[in-house]
PDB file of N, CA and C in Angstrom:
ATOM      1  N   MET A   1      38.043  63.988 -53.027  1.00  0.00           N
ATOM      2  CA  MET A   1      38.483  63.858 -54.402  1.00  0.00           C
ATOM      3  C   MET A   1      37.518  64.629 -55.296  1.00  0.00           C
ATOM      4  N   ILE A   2      38.086  65.387 -56.187  1.00  0.00           N
ATOM      5  CA  ILE A   2      37.233  66.181 -57.066  1.00  0.00           C
ATOM      6  C   ILE A   2      36.751  65.332 -58.254  1.00  0.00           C
ATOM      7  N   PRO A   3      35.654  65.730 -58.875  1.00  0.00           N
ATOM      8  CA  PRO A   3      35.091  64.925 -59.974  1.00  0.00           C
ATOM      9  C   PRO A   3      36.058  64.713 -61.147  1.00  0.00           C
ATOM     10  N   LEU A   4      36.891  65.699 -61.436  1.00  0.00           N
ATOM     11  CA  LEU A   4      37.849  65.550 -62.529  1.00  0.00           C
ATOM     12  C   LEU A   4      38.843  64.423 -62.243  1.00  0.00           C
ATOM     13  N   GLN A   5      39.241  64.293 -60.994  1.00  0.00           N
ATOM     14  CA  GLN A   5      40.141  63.200 -60.617  1.00  0.00           C
ATOM     15  C   GLN A   5      39.451  61.848 -60.771  1.00  0.00           C
ATOM     16  N   LEU A   6      38.188  61.777 -60.391  1.00  0.00           N
ATOM     17  CA  LEU A   6      37.451  60.523 -60.552  1.00  0.00           C
ATOM     18  C   LEU A   6      37.294  60.139 -62.015  1.00  0.00           C
ATOM     19  N   VAL A   7      37.055  61.127 -62.851  1.00  0.00           N
ATOM     20  CA  VAL A   7      36.935  60.863 -64.290  1.00  0.00           C
ATOM     21  C   VAL A   7      38.270  60.365 -64.844  1.00  0.00           C
ATOM     22  N   ALA A   8      39.360  60.995 -64.430  1.00  0.00           N
ATOM     23  CA  ALA A   8      40.681  60.591 -64.913  1.00  0.00           C
ATOM     24  C   ALA A   8      41.025  59.174 -64.460  1.00  0.00           C
ATOM     25  N   ILE A   9      40.730  58.837 -63.215  1.00  0.00           N
ATOM     26  CA  ILE A   9      41.002  57.487 -62.712  1.00  0.00           C
ATOM     27  C   ILE A   9      40.147  56.464 -63.444  1.00  0.00           C
ATOM     28  N   THR A  10      38.898  56.789 -63.689  1.00  0.00           N
ATOM     29  CA  THR A  10      38.014  55.881 -64.425  1.00  0.00           C
ATOM     30  C   THR A  10      38.515  55.675 -65.851  1.00  0.00           C
ATOM     31  N   LEU A  11      38.957  56.752 -66.480  1.00  0.00           N
ATOM     32  CA  LEU A  11      39.490  56.665 -67.835  1.00  0.00           C
ATOM     33  C   LEU A  11      40.722  55.759 -67.895  1.00  0.00           C
ATOM     34  N   VAL A  12      41.596  55.873 -66.912  1.00  0.00           N
ATOM     35  CA  VAL A  12      42.787  55.022 -66.858  1.00  0.00           C
ATOM     36  C   VAL A  12      42.397  53.564 -66.625  1.00  0.00           C
ATOM     37  N   GLY A  13      41.427  53.342 -65.751  1.00  0.00           N
ATOM     38  CA  GLY A  13      40.967  51.970 -65.508  1.00  0.00           C
ATOM     39  C   GLY A  13      40.365  51.332 -66.743  1.00  0.00           C
ATOM     40  N   LEU A  14      39.538  52.070 -67.446  1.00  0.00           N
ATOM     41  CA  LEU A  14      38.938  51.551 -68.679  1.00  0.00           C
ATOM     42  C   LEU A  14      39.988  51.366 -69.769  1.00  0.00           C
ATOM     43  N   GLY A  15      40.967  52.257 -69.808  1.00  0.00           N
ATOM     44  CA  GLY A  15      42.048  52.120 -70.784  1.00  0.00           C
ATOM     45  C   GLY A  15      42.882  50.884 -70.543  1.00  0.00           C
ATOM     46  N   GLY A  16      43.178  50.586 -69.275  1.00  0.00           N
ATOM     47  CA  GLY A  16      43.921  49.371 -68.951  1.00  0.00           C
ATOM     48  C   GLY A  16      43.156  48.123 -69.345  1.00  0.00           C
ATOM     49  N   LEU A  17      41.864  48.147 -69.100  1.00  0.00           N
ATOM     50  CA  LEU A  17      41.015  47.026 -69.500  1.00  0.00           C
ATOM     51  C   LEU A  17      40.997  46.871 -71.025  1.00  0.00           C
ATOM     52  N   ALA A  18      40.970  47.975 -71.733  1.00  0.00           N
ATOM     53  CA  ALA A  18      40.977  47.917 -73.203  1.00  0.00           C
ATOM     54  C   ALA A  18      42.286  47.340 -73.725  1.00  0.00           C
ATOM     55  N   VAL A  19      43.406  47.691 -73.098  1.00  0.00           N
ATOM     56  CA  VAL A  19      44.703  47.147 -73.532  1.00  0.00           C
ATOM     57  C   VAL A  19      44.737  45.632 -73.330  1.00  0.00           C
ATOM     58  N   VAL A  20      44.252  45.186 -72.200  1.00  0.00           N
ATOM     59  CA  VAL A  20      44.302  43.755 -71.883  1.00  0.00           C
ATOM     60  C   VAL A  20      43.362  42.945 -72.761  1.00  0.00           C
ATOM     61  N   THR A  21      42.203  43.481 -73.099  1.00  0.00           N
ATOM     62  CA  THR A  21      41.222  42.693 -73.850  1.00  0.00           C
ATOM     63  C   THR A  21      41.431  42.758 -75.366  1.00  0.00           C
ATOM     64  N   THR A  22      42.305  43.638 -75.850  1.00  0.00           N
ATOM     65  CA  THR A  22      42.585  43.712 -77.283  1.00  0.00           C
ATOM     66  C   THR A  22      43.478  42.536 -77.674  1.00  0.00           C
ATOM     67  N   ARG A  23      43.092  41.803 -78.709  1.00  0.00           N
ATOM     68  CA  ARG A  23      43.813  40.591 -79.100  1.00  0.00           C
ATOM     69  C   ARG A  23      44.818  40.806 -80.227  1.00  0.00           C
ATOM     70  N   ASP A  24      44.518  41.678 -81.170  1.00  0.00           N
ATOM     71  CA  ASP A  24      45.418  41.918 -82.292  1.00  0.00           C
ATOM     72  C   ASP A  24      46.611  42.757 -81.816  1.00  0.00           C
ATOM     73  N   PRO A  25      47.848  42.274 -82.035  1.00  0.00           N
ATOM     74  CA  PRO A  25      49.018  43.014 -81.526  1.00  0.00           C
ATOM     75  C   PRO A  25      49.137  44.442 -82.057  1.00  0.00           C
ATOM     76  N   LEU A  26      48.808  44.659 -83.315  1.00  0.00           N
ATOM     77  CA  LEU A  26      48.906  46.008 -83.867  1.00  0.00           C
ATOM     78  C   LEU A  26      47.915  46.951 -83.185  1.00  0.00           C
ATOM     79  N   ARG A  27      46.699  46.504 -83.034  1.00  0.00           N
ATOM     80  CA  ARG A  27      45.699  47.329 -82.345  1.00  0.00           C
ATOM     81  C   ARG A  27      46.055  47.504 -80.875  1.00  0.00           C
ATOM     82  N   GLN A  28      46.651  46.486 -80.281  1.00  0.00           N
ATOM     83  CA  GLN A  28      47.027  46.577 -78.877  1.00  0.00           C
ATOM     84  C   GLN A  28      48.092  47.656 -78.670  1.00  0.00           C
ATOM     85  N   VAL A  29      49.020  47.776 -79.601  1.00  0.00           N
ATOM     86  CA  VAL A  29      50.035  48.830 -79.507  1.00  0.00           C
ATOM     87  C   VAL A  29      49.383  50.212 -79.597  1.00  0.00           C
ATOM     88  N   LEU A  30      48.432  50.352 -80.489  1.00  0.00           N
ATOM     89  CA  LEU A  30      47.747  51.642 -80.617  1.00  0.00           C
ATOM     90  C   LEU A  30      46.941  51.976 -79.363  1.00  0.00           C
ATOM     91  N   VAL A  31      46.267  50.980 -78.811  1.00  0.00           N
ATOM     92  CA  VAL A  31      45.498  51.202 -77.577  1.00  0.00           C
ATOM     93  C   VAL A  31      46.445  51.501 -76.416  1.00  0.00           C
ATOM     94  N   LEU A  32      47.620  50.866 -76.426  1.00  0.00           N
ATOM     95  CA  LEU A  32      48.610  51.136 -75.386  1.00  0.00           C
ATOM     96  C   LEU A  32      49.087  52.585 -75.446  1.00  0.00           C
ATOM     97  N   GLY A  33      49.229  53.119 -76.647  1.00  0.00           N
ATOM     98  CA  GLY A  33      49.594  54.527 -76.793  1.00  0.00           C
ATOM     99  C   GLY A  33      48.524  55.452 -76.248  1.00  0.00           C
ATOM    100  N   LEU A  34      47.277  55.124 -76.510  1.00  0.00           N
ATOM    101  CA  LEU A  34      46.174  55.926 -75.962  1.00  0.00           C
ATOM    102  C   LEU A  34      46.093  55.790 -74.438  1.00  0.00           C
ATOM    103  N   TYR A  35      46.415  54.612 -73.949  1.00  0.00           N
ATOM    104  CA  TYR A  35      46.454  54.397 -72.495  1.00  0.00           C
ATOM    105  C   TYR A  35      47.537  55.274 -71.849  1.00  0.00           C
ATOM    106  N   GLY A  36      48.676  55.377 -72.514  1.00  0.00           N
ATOM    107  CA  GLY A  36      49.738  56.253 -72.020  1.00  0.00           C
ATOM    108  C   GLY A  36      49.301  57.708 -71.995  1.00  0.00           C
ATOM    109  N   LEU A  37      48.533  58.098 -72.994  1.00  0.00           N
ATOM    110  CA  LEU A  37      47.992  59.452 -73.018  1.00  0.00           C
ATOM    111  C   LEU A  37      47.027  59.675 -71.855  1.00  0.00           C
ATOM    112  N   ALA A  38      46.200  58.672 -71.558  1.00  0.00           N
ATOM    113  CA  ALA A  38      45.278  58.776 -70.419  1.00  0.00           C
ATOM    114  C   ALA A  38      46.053  58.876 -69.108  1.00  0.00           C
ATOM    115  N   LEU A  39      47.146  58.133 -68.993  1.00  0.00           N
ATOM    116  CA  LEU A  39      47.969  58.234 -67.787  1.00  0.00           C
ATOM    117  C   LEU A  39      48.599  59.620 -67.660  1.00  0.00           C
ATOM    118  N   ALA A  40      49.028  60.185 -68.775  1.00  0.00           N
ATOM    119  CA  ALA A  40      49.599  61.535 -68.732  1.00  0.00           C
ATOM    120  C   ALA A  40      48.554  62.541 -68.267  1.00  0.00           C
ATOM    121  N   VAL A  41      47.323  62.400 -68.741  1.00  0.00           N
ATOM    122  CA  VAL A  41      46.241  63.275 -68.290  1.00  0.00           C
ATOM    123  C   VAL A  41      46.003  63.096 -66.791  1.00  0.00           C
ATOM    124  N   LEU A  42      46.036  61.859 -66.333  1.00  0.00           N
ATOM    125  CA  LEU A  42      45.860  61.592 -64.901  1.00  0.00           C
ATOM    126  C   LEU A  42      46.929  62.292 -64.068  1.00  0.00           C
ATOM    127  N   PHE A  43      48.172  62.227 -64.540  1.00  0.00           N
ATOM    128  CA  PHE A  43      49.253  62.873 -63.792  1.00  0.00           C
ATOM    129  C   PHE A  43      49.112  64.393 -63.795  1.00  0.00           C
ATOM    130  N   VAL A  44      48.623  64.949 -64.883  1.00  0.00           N
ATOM    131  CA  VAL A  44      48.400  66.398 -64.914  1.00  0.00           C
ATOM    132  C   VAL A  44      47.286  66.772 -63.936  1.00  0.00           C
ATOM    133  N   VAL A  45      46.231  65.973 -63.908  1.00  0.00           N
ATOM    134  CA  VAL A  45      45.116  66.251 -62.995  1.00  0.00           C
ATOM    135  C   VAL A  45      45.581  66.189 -61.542  1.00  0.00           C
ATOM    136  N   PHE A  46      46.490  65.271 -61.241  1.00  0.00           N
ATOM    137  CA  PHE A  46      47.008  65.157 -59.882  1.00  0.00           C
ATOM    138  C   PHE A  46      48.228  66.047 -59.645  1.00  0.00           C
ATOM    139  N   GLN A  47      48.441  67.016 -60.534  1.00  0.00           N
ATOM    140  CA  GLN A  47      49.461  68.047 -60.407  1.00  0.00           C
ATOM    141  C   GLN A  47      50.880  67.485 -60.352  1.00  0.00           C
ATOM    142  N   ALA A  48      51.188  66.614 -61.299  1.00  0.00           N
ATOM    143  CA  ALA A  48      52.540  66.093 -61.451  1.00  0.00           C
ATOM    144  C   ALA A  48      52.957  66.260 -62.918  1.00  0.00           C
ATOM    145  N   PRO A  49      53.174  67.498 -63.347  1.00  0.00           N
ATOM    146  CA  PRO A  49      53.443  67.723 -64.777  1.00  0.00           C
ATOM    147  C   PRO A  49      54.754  67.110 -65.260  1.00  0.00           C
ATOM    148  N   ASP A  50      55.767  67.026 -64.401  1.00  0.00           N
ATOM    149  CA  ASP A  50      57.024  66.434 -64.824  1.00  0.00           C
ATOM    150  C   ASP A  50      56.865  64.936 -65.118  1.00  0.00           C
ATOM    151  N   VAL A  51      56.113  64.259 -64.291  1.00  0.00           N
ATOM    152  CA  VAL A  51      55.830  62.841 -64.529  1.00  0.00           C
ATOM    153  C   VAL A  51      54.951  62.681 -65.763  1.00  0.00           C
ATOM    154  N   ALA A  52      54.032  63.610 -65.969  1.00  0.00           N
ATOM    155  CA  ALA A  52      53.153  63.557 -67.134  1.00  0.00           C
ATOM    156  C   ALA A  52      53.940  63.693 -68.429  1.00  0.00           C
ATOM    157  N   ILE A  53      54.919  64.580 -68.447  1.00  0.00           N
ATOM    158  CA  ILE A  53      55.739  64.745 -69.649  1.00  0.00           C
ATOM    159  C   ILE A  53      56.542  63.481 -69.920  1.00  0.00           C
ATOM    160  N   SER A  54      57.123  62.901 -68.878  1.00  0.00           N
ATOM    161  CA  SER A  54      57.876  61.653 -69.048  1.00  0.00           C
ATOM    162  C   SER A  54      56.967  60.542 -69.554  1.00  0.00           C
ATOM    163  N   GLU A  55      55.790  60.431 -68.987  1.00  0.00           N
ATOM    164  CA  GLU A  55      54.828  59.408 -69.403  1.00  0.00           C
ATOM    165  C   GLU A  55      54.407  59.619 -70.851  1.00  0.00           C
ATOM    166  N   LEU A  56      54.193  60.843 -71.223  1.00  0.00           N
ATOM    167  CA  LEU A  56      53.786  61.160 -72.586  1.00  0.00           C
ATOM    168  C   LEU A  56      54.856  60.741 -73.592  1.00  0.00           C
ATOM    169  N   VAL A  57      56.102  61.044 -73.288  1.00  0.00           N
ATOM    170  CA  VAL A  57      57.188  60.715 -74.212  1.00  0.00           C
ATOM    171  C   VAL A  57      57.416  59.214 -74.280  1.00  0.00           C
ATOM    172  N   VAL A  58      57.481  58.567 -73.133  1.00  0.00           N
ATOM    173  CA  VAL A  58      57.821  57.151 -73.110  1.00  0.00           C
ATOM    174  C   VAL A  58      56.664  56.284 -73.581  1.00  0.00           C
ATOM    175  N   SER A  59      55.504  56.462 -73.000  1.00  0.00           N
ATOM    176  CA  SER A  59      54.437  55.508 -73.254  1.00  0.00           C
ATOM    177  C   SER A  59      53.528  55.866 -74.413  1.00  0.00           C
ATOM    178  N   SER A  60      53.555  57.104 -74.848  1.00  0.00           N
ATOM    179  CA  SER A  60      52.710  57.473 -75.984  1.00  0.00           C
ATOM    180  C   SER A  60      53.497  57.618 -77.277  1.00  0.00           C
ATOM    181  N   VAL A  61      54.817  57.732 -77.183  1.00  0.00           N
ATOM    182  CA  VAL A  61      55.618  57.924 -78.392  1.00  0.00           C
ATOM    183  C   VAL A  61      56.670  56.830 -78.544  1.00  0.00           C
ATOM    184  N   ALA A  62      57.575  56.714 -77.578  1.00  0.00           N
ATOM    185  CA  ALA A  62      58.727  55.822 -77.726  1.00  0.00           C
ATOM    186  C   ALA A  62      58.343  54.339 -77.718  1.00  0.00           C
ATOM    187  N   ALA A  63      57.595  53.912 -76.731  1.00  0.00           N
ATOM    188  CA  ALA A  63      57.253  52.491 -76.627  1.00  0.00           C
ATOM    189  C   ALA A  63      56.415  52.005 -77.812  1.00  0.00           C
ATOM    190  N   PRO A  64      55.353  52.717 -78.223  1.00  0.00           N
ATOM    191  CA  PRO A  64      54.622  52.250 -79.411  1.00  0.00           C
ATOM    192  C   PRO A  64      55.497  52.195 -80.665  1.00  0.00           C
ATOM    193  N   PHE A  65      56.411  53.153 -80.820  1.00  0.00           N
ATOM    194  CA  PHE A  65      57.301  53.126 -81.977  1.00  0.00           C
ATOM    195  C   PHE A  65      58.182  51.880 -81.953  1.00  0.00           C
ATOM    196  N   ILE A  66      58.725  51.544 -80.797  1.00  0.00           N
ATOM    197  CA  ILE A  66      59.569  50.352 -80.670  1.00  0.00           C
ATOM    198  C   ILE A  66      58.749  49.089 -80.916  1.00  0.00           C
ATOM    199  N   PHE A  67      57.554  49.028 -80.346  1.00  0.00           N
ATOM    200  CA  PHE A  67      56.706  47.849 -80.541  1.00  0.00           C
ATOM    201  C   PHE A  67      56.281  47.698 -82.001  1.00  0.00           C
ATOM    202  N   LEU A  68      55.952  48.811 -82.658  1.00  0.00           N
ATOM    203  CA  LEU A  68      55.569  48.741 -84.070  1.00  0.00           C
ATOM    204  C   LEU A  68      56.741  48.310 -84.944  1.00  0.00           C
ATOM    205  N   ALA A  69      57.937  48.763 -84.624  1.00  0.00           N
ATOM    206  CA  ALA A  69      59.125  48.335 -85.372  1.00  0.00           C
ATOM    207  C   ALA A  69      59.365  46.840 -85.179  1.00  0.00           C
ATOM    208  N   ALA A  70      59.192  46.346 -83.955  1.00  0.00           N
ATOM    209  CA  ALA A  70      59.362  44.916 -83.695  1.00  0.00           C
ATOM    210  C   ALA A  70      58.301  44.096 -84.424  1.00  0.00           C
ATOM    211  N   LEU A  71      57.059  44.559 -84.429  1.00  0.00           N
ATOM    212  CA  LEU A  71      56.001  43.846 -85.149  1.00  0.00           C
ATOM    213  C   LEU A  71      56.272  43.820 -86.646  1.00  0.00           C
ATOM    214  N   ALA A  72      56.753  44.922 -87.191  1.00  0.00           N
ATOM    215  CA  ALA A  72      57.070  44.964 -88.619  1.00  0.00           C
ATOM    216  C   ALA A  72      58.198  43.996 -88.944  1.00  0.00           C
ATOM    217  N   LYS A  73      59.177  43.911 -88.075  1.00  0.00           N
ATOM    218  CA  LYS A  73      60.294  42.985 -88.284  1.00  0.00           C
ATOM    219  C   LYS A  73      59.813  41.538 -88.223  1.00  0.00           C
ATOM    220  N   LEU A  74      58.950  41.235 -87.259  1.00  0.00           N
ATOM    221  CA  LEU A  74      58.432  39.873 -87.146  1.00  0.00           C
ATOM    222  C   LEU A  74      57.562  39.500 -88.343  1.00  0.00           C
ATOM    223  N   ARG A  75      56.742  40.426 -88.801  1.00  0.00           N
ATOM    224  CA  ARG A  75      55.894  40.140 -89.968  1.00  0.00           C
ATOM    225  C   ARG A  75      56.724  39.994 -91.229  1.00  0.00           C
ATOM    226  N   GLY A  76      57.837  40.699 -91.305  1.00  0.00           N
ATOM    227  CA  GLY A  76      58.749  40.560 -92.449  1.00  0.00           C
ATOM    228  C   GLY A  76      59.400  39.198 -92.466  1.00  0.00           C
ATOM    229  N   ARG A  77      59.695  38.647 -91.310  1.00  0.00           N
ATOM    230  CA  ARG A  77      60.307  37.310 -91.232  1.00  0.00           C
ATOM    231  C   ARG A  77      59.299  36.213 -91.594  1.00  0.00           C
ATOM    232  N   ARG A  78      58.046  36.433 -91.281  1.00  0.00           N
ATOM    233  CA  ARG A  78      57.015  35.431 -91.606  1.00  0.00           C
ATOM    234  C   ARG A  78      56.832  35.294 -93.107  1.00  0.00           C
ATOM    235  N   ARG A  79      57.015  36.390 -93.836  1.00  0.00           N
ATOM    236  CA  ARG A  79      56.829  36.359 -95.288  1.00  0.00           C
ATOM    237  C   ARG A  79      57.938  35.609 -95.994  1.00  0.00           C
ATOM    238  N   GLU A  80      59.119  35.548 -95.369  1.00  0.00           N
ATOM    239  CA  GLU A  80      60.258  34.882 -96.020  1.00  0.00           C
ATOM    240  C   GLU A  80      60.201  33.408 -95.975  1.00  0.00           C
TER     241      GLU A  80
END
């Protein structure tokens, strides 16, 4: 295994730990987006660019947008 692969795997491991230990839902969504970016980098390092593009779109853009919309809706209901 080359050093770049080890760095990418370590980054993904630390990112997963950061997602789990974050308590505030808004911050957790943002950390989840960064975690998706780290996974996309990992897939590029392991020479899977098609999977990296899918991961980038789904986990760094689409999922955080959906989660943020749901959080905004829930916070709007609490105010009423």
